[in-house]
């Protein structure tokens, strides 16, 4: 409204206030019955035509001038900086969120016994989704307010976020082993586990990834990959490749930033180094050089299928 009035009157007062400084005087406020209807009726003319029909004629220009003068003119613009915004978790910039969290509190990886225990508690797709949702909400608060890295994550969710009664027993048990210092690693683990569950259910976990990164491996590359996966640390490779795919390759500009013809191993190593992570064993020395970034979705699915086969043996 304020910008429209300035455009209409060709006047700019250059006056703005921050959200924290807003008072009642700054706000456009009116009641329809008390303020608008009397103003409109005061600028209405009645006429009777032949036949007794009553016509109403409104002086729209005068009404407009009075509305502007009484309710809109002189009101400040609201400065955008500092306004709380709602962002769907699906659209959240997790890389930026992770940087904000790391600037406020240290983060560390999840010990293997903890990830094994979490996986044991979260057997169903719905349980994994619920745990991931709780983790994502927690990350949003930690990115804004920080926290004590040694506090149990479940205690933070129950005592600070007041979400304890919204979680099922498997999720409560799964998260009870984690501290706030594990929040980012927990997101990485759960988001990958969610995709694994989708794959198990014969669904595509990467439906939003472009065709440029969905090339088939071919028989020879599949054989080379299988040899690598049987010797390397499968879990760490799965987690890091999954994170690269979902954080870097989903947006429309991905191909301009990540050339599908690049080496998959070199691209993944470079990505992990930018976040000061640990390089999975043998990734630099043993990963097949013939496999490119364009094969990344097929590679992850092959690794996830191998993990599932090992679990079922």
C-alpha atoms as a PDB file:
ATOM      1  CA  UNK A   1       0.000   0.000   0.000  1.00  0.00           C
ATOM      2  CA  UNK A   2       2.737   2.463   0.978  1.00  0.00           C
ATOM      3  CA  UNK A   3       4.681   1.890  -2.238  1.00  0.00           C
ATOM      4  CA  UNK A   4       1.488   2.204  -4.290  1.00  0.00           C
ATOM      5  CA  UNK A   5       0.619   5.533  -2.659  1.00  0.00           C
ATOM      6  CA  UNK A   6       4.117   6.869  -3.359  1.00  0.00           C
ATOM      7  CA  UNK A   7       3.788   5.823  -6.993  1.00  0.00           C
ATOM      8  CA  UNK A   8       0.308   7.331  -7.316  1.00  0.00           C
ATOM      9  CA  UNK A   9       1.141  10.647  -5.628  1.00  0.00           C
ATOM     10  CA  UNK A  10       4.679  10.790  -7.058  1.00  0.00           C
ATOM     11  CA  UNK A  11       5.883  11.600  -3.563  1.00  0.00           C
ATOM     12  CA  UNK A  12       8.519   9.739  -1.582  1.00  0.00           C
ATOM     13  CA  UNK A  13       9.067  10.492   2.063  1.00  0.00           C
ATOM     14  CA  UNK A  14      12.102   8.177   2.288  1.00  0.00           C
ATOM     15  CA  UNK A  15      10.838   7.133   5.694  1.00  0.00           C
ATOM     16  CA  UNK A  16      11.259   3.565   6.900  1.00  0.00           C
ATOM     17  CA  UNK A  17      11.296   1.775  10.228  1.00  0.00           C
ATOM     18  CA  UNK A  18      12.755  -1.551  11.309  1.00  0.00           C
ATOM     19  CA  UNK A  19      10.428  -4.320  12.540  1.00  0.00           C
ATOM     20  CA  UNK A  20      11.592  -3.786  16.127  1.00  0.00           C
ATOM     21  CA  UNK A  21      10.616  -0.070  16.012  1.00  0.00           C
ATOM     22  CA  UNK A  22       7.083  -0.449  14.660  1.00  0.00           C
ATOM     23  CA  UNK A  23       4.331   1.187  16.765  1.00  0.00           C
ATOM     24  CA  UNK A  24       0.578   1.610  16.310  1.00  0.00           C
ATOM     25  CA  UNK A  25       1.161   4.949  14.567  1.00  0.00           C
ATOM     26  CA  UNK A  26       3.181   3.258  11.828  1.00  0.00           C
ATOM     27  CA  UNK A  27       0.533   0.663  10.989  1.00  0.00           C
ATOM     28  CA  UNK A  28      -2.255   1.021   8.400  1.00  0.00           C
ATOM     29  CA  UNK A  29      -5.299   0.420  10.572  1.00  0.00           C
ATOM     30  CA  UNK A  30      -9.036   0.683   9.912  1.00  0.00           C
ATOM     31  CA  UNK A  31     -12.379  -0.973  10.579  1.00  0.00           C
ATOM     32  CA  UNK A  32     -14.716  -1.456   7.645  1.00  0.00           C
ATOM     33  CA  UNK A  33     -17.961  -0.652   9.496  1.00  0.00           C
ATOM     34  CA  UNK A  34     -16.606   2.303  11.432  1.00  0.00           C
ATOM     35  CA  UNK A  35     -14.178   3.877   8.968  1.00  0.00           C
ATOM     36  CA  UNK A  36     -14.723   2.821   5.352  1.00  0.00           C
ATOM     37  CA  UNK A  37     -18.491   2.513   4.946  1.00  0.00           C
ATOM     38  CA  UNK A  38     -19.247   6.043   6.316  1.00  0.00           C
ATOM     39  CA  UNK A  39     -16.540   7.485   4.056  1.00  0.00           C
ATOM     40  CA  UNK A  40     -17.990   5.731   0.997  1.00  0.00           C
ATOM     41  CA  UNK A  41     -21.583   6.717   1.797  1.00  0.00           C
ATOM     42  CA  UNK A  42     -20.529  10.340   2.265  1.00  0.00           C
ATOM     43  CA  UNK A  43     -19.387  10.343  -1.353  1.00  0.00           C
ATOM     44  CA  UNK A  44     -22.431   8.657  -2.824  1.00  0.00           C
ATOM     45  CA  UNK A  45     -25.104  10.466  -4.816  1.00  0.00           C
ATOM     46  CA  UNK A  46     -28.576   9.038  -5.374  1.00  0.00           C
ATOM     47  CA  UNK A  47     -30.773   9.766  -8.361  1.00  0.00           C
ATOM     48  CA  UNK A  48     -34.231   8.565  -9.321  1.00  0.00           C
ATOM     49  CA  UNK A  49     -34.871   7.690 -12.923  1.00  0.00           C
ATOM     50  CA  UNK A  50     -38.210   7.546 -14.662  1.00  0.00           C
ATOM     51  CA  UNK A  51     -39.971   4.474 -13.459  1.00  0.00           C
ATOM     52  CA  UNK A  52     -38.862   4.959  -9.854  1.00  0.00           C
ATOM     53  CA  UNK A  53     -35.506   3.112 -10.064  1.00  0.00           C
ATOM     54  CA  UNK A  54     -32.903   4.542  -7.679  1.00  0.00           C
ATOM     55  CA  UNK A  55     -29.337   4.753  -8.946  1.00  0.00           C
ATOM     56  CA  UNK A  56     -26.156   5.188  -6.901  1.00  0.00           C
ATOM     57  CA  UNK A  57     -23.202   7.163  -8.181  1.00  0.00           C
ATOM     58  CA  UNK A  58     -19.919   7.118  -6.307  1.00  0.00           C
ATOM     59  CA  UNK A  59     -17.250   9.811  -6.544  1.00  0.00           C
ATOM     60  CA  UNK A  60     -14.415   7.328  -6.811  1.00  0.00           C
ATOM     61  CA  UNK A  61     -11.648   9.915  -7.169  1.00  0.00           C
ATOM     62  CA  UNK A  62     -12.757  11.698  -4.008  1.00  0.00           C
ATOM     63  CA  UNK A  63     -13.037   8.404  -2.128  1.00  0.00           C
ATOM     64  CA  UNK A  64      -9.534   7.513  -3.265  1.00  0.00           C
ATOM     65  CA  UNK A  65      -8.097  10.835  -2.124  1.00  0.00           C
ATOM     66  CA  UNK A  66      -9.766  10.542   1.277  1.00  0.00           C
ATOM     67  CA  UNK A  67      -8.618   6.942   1.801  1.00  0.00           C
ATOM     68  CA  UNK A  68      -5.040   7.938   0.959  1.00  0.00           C
ATOM     69  CA  UNK A  69      -5.115  11.036   3.150  1.00  0.00           C
ATOM     70  CA  UNK A  70      -6.762   9.377   6.142  1.00  0.00           C
ATOM     71  CA  UNK A  71      -5.246   5.904   6.217  1.00  0.00           C
ATOM     72  CA  UNK A  72      -2.173   5.649   3.955  1.00  0.00           C
ATOM     73  CA  UNK A  73      -0.338   8.930   3.522  1.00  0.00           C
ATOM     74  CA  UNK A  74       2.582   9.473   5.858  1.00  0.00           C
ATOM     75  CA  UNK A  75       2.928   5.810   6.762  1.00  0.00           C
ATOM     76  CA  UNK A  76       6.522   4.527   6.682  1.00  0.00           C
ATOM     77  CA  UNK A  77       7.946   1.699   4.666  1.00  0.00           C
ATOM     78  CA  UNK A  78       8.968  -1.349   6.663  1.00  0.00           C
ATOM     79  CA  UNK A  79      12.658  -2.223   6.408  1.00  0.00           C
ATOM     80  CA  UNK A  80      13.029  -5.802   5.175  1.00  0.00           C
ATOM     81  CA  UNK A  81      16.096  -6.552   7.262  1.00  0.00           C
ATOM     82  CA  UNK A  82      15.174  -8.323  10.457  1.00  0.00           C
ATOM     83  CA  UNK A  83      11.747  -9.547   9.360  1.00  0.00           C
ATOM     84  CA  UNK A  84      11.237 -13.186  10.359  1.00  0.00           C
ATOM     85  CA  UNK A  85      10.535 -15.285   7.282  1.00  0.00           C
ATOM     86  CA  UNK A  86       8.923 -18.664   6.768  1.00  0.00           C
ATOM     87  CA  UNK A  87      10.933 -21.080   4.667  1.00  0.00           C
ATOM     88  CA  UNK A  88       9.718 -24.575   3.869  1.00  0.00           C
ATOM     89  CA  UNK A  89      12.263 -27.128   5.035  1.00  0.00           C
ATOM     90  CA  UNK A  90      12.228 -28.579   1.533  1.00  0.00           C
ATOM     91  CA  UNK A  91      13.484 -25.249   0.160  1.00  0.00           C
ATOM     92  CA  UNK A  92      15.922 -24.466   2.953  1.00  0.00           C
ATOM     93  CA  UNK A  93      19.551 -23.741   2.104  1.00  0.00           C
ATOM     94  CA  UNK A  94      21.138 -26.424   4.259  1.00  0.00           C
ATOM     95  CA  UNK A  95      24.698 -25.490   3.385  1.00  0.00           C
ATOM     96  CA  UNK A  96      24.158 -21.998   4.779  1.00  0.00           C
ATOM     97  CA  UNK A  97      22.300 -23.424   7.784  1.00  0.00           C
ATOM     98  CA  UNK A  98      25.160 -25.804   8.527  1.00  0.00           C
ATOM     99  CA  UNK A  99      27.660 -22.921   8.389  1.00  0.00           C
ATOM    100  CA  UNK A 100      25.517 -20.927  10.821  1.00  0.00           C
ATOM    101  CA  UNK A 101      25.391 -23.852  13.233  1.00  0.00           C
ATOM    102  CA  UNK A 102      29.140 -24.492  13.032  1.00  0.00           C
ATOM    103  CA  UNK A 103      29.790 -20.815  13.742  1.00  0.00           C
ATOM    104  CA  UNK A 104      27.750 -21.123  16.949  1.00  0.00           C
ATOM    105  CA  UNK A 105      28.763 -24.561  18.220  1.00  0.00           C
ATOM    106  CA  UNK A 106      31.210 -27.362  17.294  1.00  0.00           C
ATOM    107  CA  UNK A 107      29.964 -30.342  15.316  1.00  0.00           C
ATOM    108  CA  UNK A 108      31.352 -33.850  15.120  1.00  0.00           C
ATOM    109  CA  UNK A 109      30.581 -37.111  13.350  1.00  0.00           C
ATOM    110  CA  UNK A 110      28.410 -39.854  14.777  1.00  0.00           C
ATOM    111  CA  UNK A 111      30.293 -42.851  16.222  1.00  0.00           C
ATOM    112  CA  UNK A 112      29.638 -46.098  14.349  1.00  0.00           C
ATOM    113  CA  UNK A 113      27.882 -47.777  17.317  1.00  0.00           C
ATOM    114  CA  UNK A 114      25.452 -44.852  17.461  1.00  0.00           C
ATOM    115  CA  UNK A 115      24.597 -44.994  13.749  1.00  0.00           C
ATOM    116  CA  UNK A 116      24.099 -48.756  14.032  1.00  0.00           C
ATOM    117  CA  UNK A 117      21.761 -48.253  16.987  1.00  0.00           C
ATOM    118  CA  UNK A 118      19.790 -45.519  15.196  1.00  0.00           C
ATOM    119  CA  UNK A 119      19.409 -47.719  12.142  1.00  0.00           C
ATOM    120  CA  UNK A 120      18.208 -50.557  14.354  1.00  0.00           C
ATOM    121  CA  UNK A 121      15.483 -48.427  15.930  1.00  0.00           C
ATOM    122  CA  UNK A 122      14.288 -46.835  12.678  1.00  0.00           C
ATOM    123  CA  UNK A 123      13.177 -49.794  10.603  1.00  0.00           C
ATOM    124  CA  UNK A 124      10.265 -48.253   8.709  1.00  0.00           C
ATOM    125  CA  UNK A 125      10.137 -45.433   6.180  1.00  0.00           C
ATOM    126  CA  UNK A 126       7.665 -43.488   8.341  1.00  0.00           C
ATOM    127  CA  UNK A 127       9.947 -43.696  11.393  1.00  0.00           C
ATOM    128  CA  UNK A 128      12.908 -42.415   9.374  1.00  0.00           C
ATOM    129  CA  UNK A 129      10.810 -39.525   8.007  1.00  0.00           C
ATOM    130  CA  UNK A 130       9.627 -38.609  11.489  1.00  0.00           C
ATOM    131  CA  UNK A 131      13.168 -38.629  12.902  1.00  0.00           C
ATOM    132  CA  UNK A 132      14.427 -36.571   9.964  1.00  0.00           C
ATOM    133  CA  UNK A 133      11.624 -34.036  10.417  1.00  0.00           C
ATOM    134  CA  UNK A 134      12.474 -33.588  14.107  1.00  0.00           C
ATOM    135  CA  UNK A 135      16.150 -33.220  13.223  1.00  0.00           C
ATOM    136  CA  UNK A 136      15.443 -30.590  10.569  1.00  0.00           C
ATOM    137  CA  UNK A 137      13.326 -28.554  12.987  1.00  0.00           C
ATOM    138  CA  UNK A 138      16.104 -28.779  15.569  1.00  0.00           C
ATOM    139  CA  UNK A 139      18.693 -27.632  13.017  1.00  0.00           C
ATOM    140  CA  UNK A 140      16.590 -24.565  12.223  1.00  0.00           C
ATOM    141  CA  UNK A 141      16.564 -23.500  15.869  1.00  0.00           C
ATOM    142  CA  UNK A 142      20.260 -24.262  16.365  1.00  0.00           C
ATOM    143  CA  UNK A 143      21.141 -22.170  13.310  1.00  0.00           C
ATOM    144  CA  UNK A 144      19.430 -19.191  14.920  1.00  0.00           C
ATOM    145  CA  UNK A 145      20.112 -19.603  18.636  1.00  0.00           C
ATOM    146  CA  UNK A 146      22.949 -22.126  18.930  1.00  0.00           C
ATOM    147  CA  UNK A 147      23.144 -24.333  22.000  1.00  0.00           C
ATOM    148  CA  UNK A 148      25.325 -26.417  24.288  1.00  0.00           C
ATOM    149  CA  UNK A 149      26.952 -29.049  22.049  1.00  0.00           C
ATOM    150  CA  UNK A 150      27.041 -31.605  24.891  1.00  0.00           C
ATOM    151  CA  UNK A 151      23.311 -31.455  25.637  1.00  0.00           C
ATOM    152  CA  UNK A 152      21.425 -34.578  24.611  1.00  0.00           C
ATOM    153  CA  UNK A 153      19.471 -33.872  21.445  1.00  0.00           C
ATOM    154  CA  UNK A 154      16.355 -35.580  22.798  1.00  0.00           C
ATOM    155  CA  UNK A 155      16.521 -33.417  25.931  1.00  0.00           C
ATOM    156  CA  UNK A 156      16.698 -30.291  23.762  1.00  0.00           C
ATOM    157  CA  UNK A 157      13.712 -31.462  21.701  1.00  0.00           C
ATOM    158  CA  UNK A 158      11.663 -32.236  24.811  1.00  0.00           C
ATOM    159  CA  UNK A 159      12.616 -29.352  27.111  1.00  0.00           C
ATOM    160  CA  UNK A 160      13.292 -26.493  24.674  1.00  0.00           C
ATOM    161  CA  UNK A 161      11.209 -27.311  21.600  1.00  0.00           C
ATOM    162  CA  UNK A 162       8.446 -29.044  23.607  1.00  0.00           C
ATOM    163  CA  UNK A 163       8.042 -31.731  20.959  1.00  0.00           C
ATOM    164  CA  UNK A 164       8.451 -34.835  23.102  1.00  0.00           C
ATOM    165  CA  UNK A 165       4.780 -35.828  22.948  1.00  0.00           C
ATOM    166  CA  UNK A 166       4.810 -35.647  19.147  1.00  0.00           C
ATOM    167  CA  UNK A 167       7.353 -38.448  18.674  1.00  0.00           C
ATOM    168  CA  UNK A 168       6.861 -42.178  18.549  1.00  0.00           C
ATOM    169  CA  UNK A 169       8.840 -44.606  20.674  1.00  0.00           C
ATOM    170  CA  UNK A 170      11.289 -45.691  17.902  1.00  0.00           C
ATOM    171  CA  UNK A 171      12.229 -42.062  17.223  1.00  0.00           C
ATOM    172  CA  UNK A 172      12.687 -41.296  20.922  1.00  0.00           C
ATOM    173  CA  UNK A 173      14.998 -44.282  21.291  1.00  0.00           C
ATOM    174  CA  UNK A 174      16.933 -43.468  18.122  1.00  0.00           C
ATOM    175  CA  UNK A 175      17.612 -39.840  19.050  1.00  0.00           C
ATOM    176  CA  UNK A 176      18.418 -40.584  22.702  1.00  0.00           C
ATOM    177  CA  UNK A 177      22.019 -41.464  21.815  1.00  0.00           C
ATOM    178  CA  UNK A 178      22.793 -38.156  20.061  1.00  0.00           C
ATOM    179  CA  UNK A 179      23.996 -34.800  21.386  1.00  0.00           C
ATOM    180  CA  UNK A 180      23.580 -31.396  19.768  1.00  0.00           C
ATOM    181  CA  UNK A 181      27.158 -31.675  18.492  1.00  0.00           C
ATOM    182  CA  UNK A 182      25.895 -34.550  16.292  1.00  0.00           C
ATOM    183  CA  UNK A 183      22.991 -32.602  14.742  1.00  0.00           C
ATOM    184  CA  UNK A 184      24.489 -32.112  11.262  1.00  0.00           C
ATOM    185  CA  UNK A 185      25.870 -35.657  11.098  1.00  0.00           C
ATOM    186  CA  UNK A 186      22.471 -36.961  12.179  1.00  0.00           C
ATOM    187  CA  UNK A 187      20.786 -35.064   9.333  1.00  0.00           C
ATOM    188  CA  UNK A 188      23.288 -36.510   6.866  1.00  0.00           C
ATOM    189  CA  UNK A 189      22.672 -40.038   8.129  1.00  0.00           C
ATOM    190  CA  UNK A 190      18.862 -39.779   8.249  1.00  0.00           C
ATOM    191  CA  UNK A 191      18.484 -38.085   4.873  1.00  0.00           C
ATOM    192  CA  UNK A 192      20.540 -40.847   3.274  1.00  0.00           C
ATOM    193  CA  UNK A 193      18.612 -43.508   5.195  1.00  0.00           C
ATOM    194  CA  UNK A 194      15.350 -42.015   3.916  1.00  0.00           C
ATOM    195  CA  UNK A 195      16.575 -42.402   0.332  1.00  0.00           C
ATOM    196  CA  UNK A 196      17.664 -45.966   1.072  1.00  0.00           C
ATOM    197  CA  UNK A 197      14.168 -46.749   2.324  1.00  0.00           C
ATOM    198  CA  UNK A 198      12.625 -45.245  -0.812  1.00  0.00           C
ATOM    199  CA  UNK A 199      14.914 -47.377  -2.952  1.00  0.00           C
ATOM    200  CA  UNK A 200      13.879 -50.456  -0.968  1.00  0.00           C
ATOM    201  CA  UNK A 201      10.237 -49.555  -1.664  1.00  0.00           C
ATOM    202  CA  UNK A 202      11.020 -49.377  -5.412  1.00  0.00           C
ATOM    203  CA  UNK A 203      10.709 -45.568  -5.438  1.00  0.00           C
ATOM    204  CA  UNK A 204      13.141 -43.091  -6.960  1.00  0.00           C
ATOM    205  CA  UNK A 205      14.785 -40.996  -4.217  1.00  0.00           C
ATOM    206  CA  UNK A 206      16.246 -38.590  -6.776  1.00  0.00           C
ATOM    207  CA  UNK A 207      13.225 -37.601  -8.820  1.00  0.00           C
ATOM    208  CA  UNK A 208      14.287 -33.928  -8.788  1.00  0.00           C
ATOM    209  CA  UNK A 209      17.785 -34.595 -10.137  1.00  0.00           C
ATOM    210  CA  UNK A 210      18.272 -33.735 -13.805  1.00  0.00           C
ATOM    211  CA  UNK A 211      18.924 -36.271 -16.542  1.00  0.00           C
ATOM    212  CA  UNK A 212      22.524 -35.044 -16.891  1.00  0.00           C
ATOM    213  CA  UNK A 213      23.406 -36.839 -13.640  1.00  0.00           C
ATOM    214  CA  UNK A 214      21.409 -40.013 -14.252  1.00  0.00           C
ATOM    215  CA  UNK A 215      23.538 -41.759 -16.881  1.00  0.00           C
ATOM    216  CA  UNK A 216      23.700 -45.545 -16.769  1.00  0.00           C
ATOM    217  CA  UNK A 217      26.974 -47.111 -15.692  1.00  0.00           C
ATOM    218  CA  UNK A 218      27.399 -49.778 -18.340  1.00  0.00           C
ATOM    219  CA  UNK A 219      28.693 -53.298 -17.648  1.00  0.00           C
ATOM    220  CA  UNK A 220      32.402 -52.462 -17.344  1.00  0.00           C
ATOM    221  CA  UNK A 221      31.923 -49.444 -15.075  1.00  0.00           C
ATOM    222  CA  UNK A 222      29.493 -51.462 -12.943  1.00  0.00           C
ATOM    223  CA  UNK A 223      32.141 -54.152 -12.507  1.00  0.00           C
ATOM    224  CA  UNK A 224      34.812 -51.587 -11.546  1.00  0.00           C
ATOM    225  CA  UNK A 225      32.446 -49.909  -9.094  1.00  0.00           C
ATOM    226  CA  UNK A 226      31.536 -53.219  -7.481  1.00  0.00           C
ATOM    227  CA  UNK A 227      35.217 -53.995  -6.941  1.00  0.00           C
ATOM    228  CA  UNK A 228      35.733 -50.595  -5.289  1.00  0.00           C
ATOM    229  CA  UNK A 229      32.682 -50.872  -3.047  1.00  0.00           C
ATOM    230  CA  UNK A 230      33.722 -54.313  -1.800  1.00  0.00           C
ATOM    231  CA  UNK A 231      37.032 -52.888  -0.595  1.00  0.00           C
ATOM    232  CA  UNK A 232      36.097 -49.357   0.516  1.00  0.00           C
ATOM    233  CA  UNK A 233      34.127 -47.987   3.472  1.00  0.00           C
ATOM    234  CA  UNK A 234      30.625 -48.308   2.052  1.00  0.00           C
ATOM    235  CA  UNK A 235      28.695 -46.302   4.674  1.00  0.00           C
ATOM    236  CA  UNK A 236      30.890 -43.185   4.557  1.00  0.00           C
ATOM    237  CA  UNK A 237      30.884 -43.201   0.758  1.00  0.00           C
ATOM    238  CA  UNK A 238      27.074 -43.490   0.664  1.00  0.00           C
ATOM    239  CA  UNK A 239      26.586 -40.602   3.084  1.00  0.00           C
ATOM    240  CA  UNK A 240      28.950 -38.186   1.356  1.00  0.00           C
ATOM    241  CA  UNK A 241      27.760 -38.946  -2.170  1.00  0.00           C
ATOM    242  CA  UNK A 242      24.139 -38.625  -1.094  1.00  0.00           C
ATOM    243  CA  UNK A 243      24.814 -35.227   0.479  1.00  0.00           C
ATOM    244  CA  UNK A 244      26.554 -34.007  -2.671  1.00  0.00           C
ATOM    245  CA  UNK A 245      23.599 -35.072  -4.806  1.00  0.00           C
ATOM    246  CA  UNK A 246      20.822 -33.573  -2.677  1.00  0.00           C
ATOM    247  CA  UNK A 247      22.608 -30.331  -1.745  1.00  0.00           C
ATOM    248  CA  UNK A 248      24.431 -29.510  -4.959  1.00  0.00           C
ATOM    249  CA  UNK A 249      22.700 -31.150  -7.904  1.00  0.00           C
ATOM    250  CA  UNK A 250      18.997 -30.467  -7.281  1.00  0.00           C
ATOM    251  CA  UNK A 251      18.801 -26.826  -8.332  1.00  0.00           C
ATOM    252  CA  UNK A 252      18.311 -25.677 -11.887  1.00  0.00           C
ATOM    253  CA  UNK A 253      21.804 -24.175 -12.242  1.00  0.00           C
ATOM    254  CA  UNK A 254      23.583 -27.387 -11.201  1.00  0.00           C
ATOM    255  CA  UNK A 255      24.992 -28.200 -14.644  1.00  0.00           C
ATOM    256  CA  UNK A 256      26.643 -24.783 -14.884  1.00  0.00           C
ATOM    257  CA  UNK A 257      28.421 -25.318 -11.565  1.00  0.00           C
ATOM    258  CA  UNK A 258      29.012 -29.086 -11.671  1.00  0.00           C
ATOM    259  CA  UNK A 259      29.960 -30.361 -15.095  1.00  0.00           C
ATOM    260  CA  UNK A 260      28.552 -33.888 -15.571  1.00  0.00           C
ATOM    261  CA  UNK A 261      31.761 -34.799 -17.425  1.00  0.00           C
ATOM    262  CA  UNK A 262      33.911 -34.214 -14.348  1.00  0.00           C
ATOM    263  CA  UNK A 263      35.422 -37.150 -12.496  1.00  0.00           C
ATOM    264  CA  UNK A 264      33.019 -38.309  -9.794  1.00  0.00           C
ATOM    265  CA  UNK A 265      35.794 -39.116  -7.338  1.00  0.00           C
ATOM    266  CA  UNK A 266      37.585 -35.776  -7.777  1.00  0.00           C
ATOM    267  CA  UNK A 267      34.325 -33.836  -7.497  1.00  0.00           C
ATOM    268  CA  UNK A 268      33.311 -35.672  -4.326  1.00  0.00           C
ATOM    269  CA  UNK A 269      36.746 -35.247  -2.737  1.00  0.00           C
ATOM    270  CA  UNK A 270      36.711 -31.522  -3.536  1.00  0.00           C
ATOM    271  CA  UNK A 271      33.227 -31.151  -2.037  1.00  0.00           C
ATOM    272  CA  UNK A 272      34.217 -32.938   1.175  1.00  0.00           C
ATOM    273  CA  UNK A 273      37.345 -30.818   1.494  1.00  0.00           C
ATOM    274  CA  UNK A 274      35.350 -27.575   1.243  1.00  0.00           C
ATOM    275  CA  UNK A 275      33.478 -28.537   4.419  1.00  0.00           C
ATOM    276  CA  UNK A 276      36.584 -29.907   6.194  1.00  0.00           C
ATOM    277  CA  UNK A 277      35.171 -33.438   6.219  1.00  0.00           C
ATOM    278  CA  UNK A 278      36.940 -36.791   6.285  1.00  0.00           C
ATOM    279  CA  UNK A 279      37.603 -38.390   2.895  1.00  0.00           C
ATOM    280  CA  UNK A 280      36.132 -41.928   2.741  1.00  0.00           C
ATOM    281  CA  UNK A 281      38.780 -44.687   2.574  1.00  0.00           C
ATOM    282  CA  UNK A 282      40.272 -45.376  -0.874  1.00  0.00           C
ATOM    283  CA  UNK A 283      38.109 -42.771  -2.601  1.00  0.00           C
ATOM    284  CA  UNK A 284      41.135 -40.866  -3.894  1.00  0.00           C
ATOM    285  CA  UNK A 285      43.269 -43.881  -4.771  1.00  0.00           C
ATOM    286  CA  UNK A 286      40.830 -46.670  -5.619  1.00  0.00           C
ATOM    287  CA  UNK A 287      37.727 -45.189  -7.221  1.00  0.00           C
ATOM    288  CA  UNK A 288      37.439 -45.936 -10.972  1.00  0.00           C
ATOM    289  CA  UNK A 289      38.499 -42.890 -12.969  1.00  0.00           C
ATOM    290  CA  UNK A 290      36.176 -43.851 -15.823  1.00  0.00           C
ATOM    291  CA  UNK A 291      33.121 -43.124 -13.701  1.00  0.00           C
ATOM    292  CA  UNK A 292      31.939 -39.531 -14.082  1.00  0.00           C
ATOM    293  CA  UNK A 293      29.688 -37.175 -12.183  1.00  0.00           C
ATOM    294  CA  UNK A 294      27.009 -37.950 -14.763  1.00  0.00           C
ATOM    295  CA  UNK A 295      26.852 -41.443 -13.235  1.00  0.00           C
ATOM    296  CA  UNK A 296      26.386 -40.237  -9.640  1.00  0.00           C
ATOM    297  CA  UNK A 297      22.744 -41.316  -9.201  1.00  0.00           C
ATOM    298  CA  UNK A 298      23.445 -44.783 -10.636  1.00  0.00           C
ATOM    299  CA  UNK A 299      26.534 -45.098  -8.421  1.00  0.00           C
ATOM    300  CA  UNK A 300      24.644 -44.202  -5.267  1.00  0.00           C
ATOM    301  CA  UNK A 301      21.820 -46.597  -6.070  1.00  0.00           C
ATOM    302  CA  UNK A 302      24.322 -49.382  -6.719  1.00  0.00           C
ATOM    303  CA  UNK A 303      26.068 -48.715  -3.395  1.00  0.00           C
ATOM    304  CA  UNK A 304      22.763 -48.557  -1.510  1.00  0.00           C
ATOM    305  CA  UNK A 305      21.605 -51.824  -3.117  1.00  0.00           C
ATOM    306  CA  UNK A 306      24.859 -53.505  -2.106  1.00  0.00           C
ATOM    307  CA  UNK A 307      24.388 -52.283   1.477  1.00  0.00           C
ATOM    308  CA  UNK A 308      20.846 -53.684   1.545  1.00  0.00           C
ATOM    309  CA  UNK A 309      22.018 -57.026   0.121  1.00  0.00           C
ATOM    310  CA  UNK A 310      24.684 -57.292   2.823  1.00  0.00           C
ATOM    311  CA  UNK A 311      22.088 -56.603   5.507  1.00  0.00           C
ATOM    312  CA  UNK A 312      19.798 -59.339   4.210  1.00  0.00           C
ATOM    313  CA  UNK A 313      22.461 -62.015   4.060  1.00  0.00           C
END
